[in-house]
Amino acid sequence: MATKKDFVPKILEKLEPLDVTAKPMFGEYGLYYKGKMFGLLCDDTFFIRVTEAGSKFAGRIGKGFPYPGAKPAFKISNAKANDHAWLTELVELTANELPLPKKKKKTS
């Protein structure tokens, strides 16, 4: 089941004023902040990548698999998604710890 298009703006609104973008990926969406993919929207569920800083900050929060074969990620509940200060802090901490994506080599 793919993520419904109306779910995406709801999540992006919760992340304001952070400059988060969503890019479609195989019927789901990758979430990007500071040029780094920090989260996924899969099957109308919000996931944030697990980092050391994020784990320390998030405390006891459930994890799940965004898709088969994926690494576990924080599964953000509706209650946590509505806690603006908590959510934006988790995104900031996560993005700050993630490396920038490697630049693709040009093929001739």
Protein backbone atom coordinates (compact mmCIF):
# COMPACT_ATOMS: atom_id res chain seq x y z
CA MET A 1 0.00 0.00 0.00
CA ALA A 2 1.48 3.34 -1.02
CA THR A 3 1.39 6.52 1.04
CA LYS A 4 -1.57 8.76 0.17
CA LYS A 5 -0.61 12.12 -1.31
CA ASP A 6 -2.65 14.02 1.31
CA PHE A 7 -0.51 12.50 4.11
CA VAL A 8 2.67 14.21 2.88
CA PRO A 9 1.63 17.88 3.38
CA LYS A 10 0.26 17.03 6.84
CA ILE A 11 3.70 15.80 7.93
CA LEU A 12 5.56 18.65 6.24
CA GLU A 13 3.31 21.13 8.06
CA LYS A 14 4.20 19.54 11.40
CA LEU A 15 7.89 20.06 10.61
CA GLU A 16 7.63 23.80 9.87
CA PRO A 17 9.61 26.06 10.03
CA LEU A 18 12.30 23.48 9.14
CA ASP A 19 12.98 23.45 5.41
CA VAL A 20 12.00 19.81 4.89
CA THR A 21 11.22 18.46 1.44
CA ALA A 22 9.55 15.22 0.38
CA LYS A 23 10.63 13.34 -2.72
CA PRO A 24 8.56 10.50 -4.19
CA MET A 25 10.24 7.10 -4.12
CA PHE A 26 8.46 4.00 -5.43
CA GLY A 27 5.03 5.08 -4.18
CA GLU A 28 6.46 6.26 -0.87
CA TYR A 29 8.36 9.42 0.10
CA GLY A 30 11.84 10.27 1.36
CA LEU A 31 12.12 13.24 3.71
CA TYR A 32 15.14 15.53 3.34
CA TYR A 33 16.57 18.23 5.57
CA LYS A 34 19.91 19.99 5.09
CA GLY A 35 20.45 17.83 1.99
CA LYS A 36 20.20 14.62 4.01
CA MET A 37 17.49 11.96 3.93
CA PHE A 38 16.45 11.67 7.56
CA GLY A 39 13.08 9.97 7.24
CA LEU A 40 10.52 8.10 5.20
CA LEU A 41 6.78 8.12 4.76
CA CYS A 42 5.73 4.54 4.04
CA ASP A 43 2.19 3.18 4.11
CA ASP A 44 0.99 6.44 5.71
CA THR A 45 3.48 5.97 8.56
CA PHE A 46 6.20 8.45 9.51
CA PHE A 47 9.67 6.99 10.14
CA ILE A 48 12.86 8.78 11.22
CA ARG A 49 16.29 7.21 10.88
CA VAL A 50 17.93 6.01 14.08
CA THR A 51 21.07 7.87 15.15
CA GLU A 52 22.96 7.91 18.43
CA ALA A 53 21.94 11.49 19.25
CA GLY A 54 18.35 10.78 18.21
CA SER A 55 18.20 7.68 20.40
CA LYS A 56 19.45 9.60 23.44
CA PHE A 57 16.92 12.35 22.87
CA ALA A 58 13.91 10.24 21.85
CA GLY A 59 14.01 7.94 24.85
CA ARG A 60 11.55 5.07 24.73
CA ILE A 61 9.99 5.21 21.31
CA GLY A 62 8.84 2.38 19.10
CA LYS A 63 10.75 1.26 16.06
CA GLY A 64 9.59 -0.37 12.89
CA PHE A 65 10.71 -1.28 9.40
CA PRO A 66 9.61 1.17 6.70
CA TYR A 67 9.80 -1.58 4.06
CA PRO A 68 11.05 -5.19 3.86
CA GLY A 69 14.82 -5.33 4.20
CA ALA A 70 15.11 -1.82 5.67
CA LYS A 71 17.03 -0.96 8.81
CA PRO A 72 14.82 -0.26 11.82
CA ALA A 73 13.69 3.35 12.17
CA PHE A 74 11.81 5.34 14.79
CA LYS A 75 8.09 4.93 14.15
CA ILE A 76 6.57 8.33 14.92
CA SER A 77 3.14 8.09 16.52
CA ASN A 78 0.44 10.71 15.97
CA ALA A 79 0.98 11.98 19.52
CA LYS A 80 4.72 12.46 18.93
CA ALA A 81 4.11 14.00 15.49
CA ASN A 82 1.87 16.57 17.17
CA ASP A 83 4.56 17.48 19.73
CA HIS A 84 6.18 20.17 17.57
CA ALA A 85 9.14 20.98 19.84
CA TRP A 86 10.02 17.30 20.32
CA LEU A 87 9.63 16.44 16.64
CA THR A 88 11.68 19.32 15.26
CA GLU A 89 14.44 18.71 17.82
CA LEU A 90 14.61 15.03 16.82
CA VAL A 91 14.85 15.97 13.13
CA GLU A 92 17.60 18.53 13.86
CA LEU A 93 19.62 16.05 15.94
CA THR A 94 19.19 13.29 13.37
CA ALA A 95 20.13 15.44 10.37
CA ASN A 96 23.16 16.89 12.16
CA GLU A 97 24.52 13.39 12.78
CA LEU A 98 23.94 12.02 9.28
CA PRO A 99 26.63 12.38 6.61
CA LEU A 100 25.99 14.30 3.44
CA PRO A 101 25.20 12.01 0.50
CA LYS A 102 28.12 11.05 -1.69
CA LYS A 103 28.23 12.92 -4.96
CA LYS A 104 27.52 10.77 -7.99
CA LYS A 105 30.31 10.48 -10.51
CA LYS A 106 29.53 11.75 -13.97
CA THR A 107 29.56 9.13 -16.69
CA SER A 108 30.87 10.07 -20.10
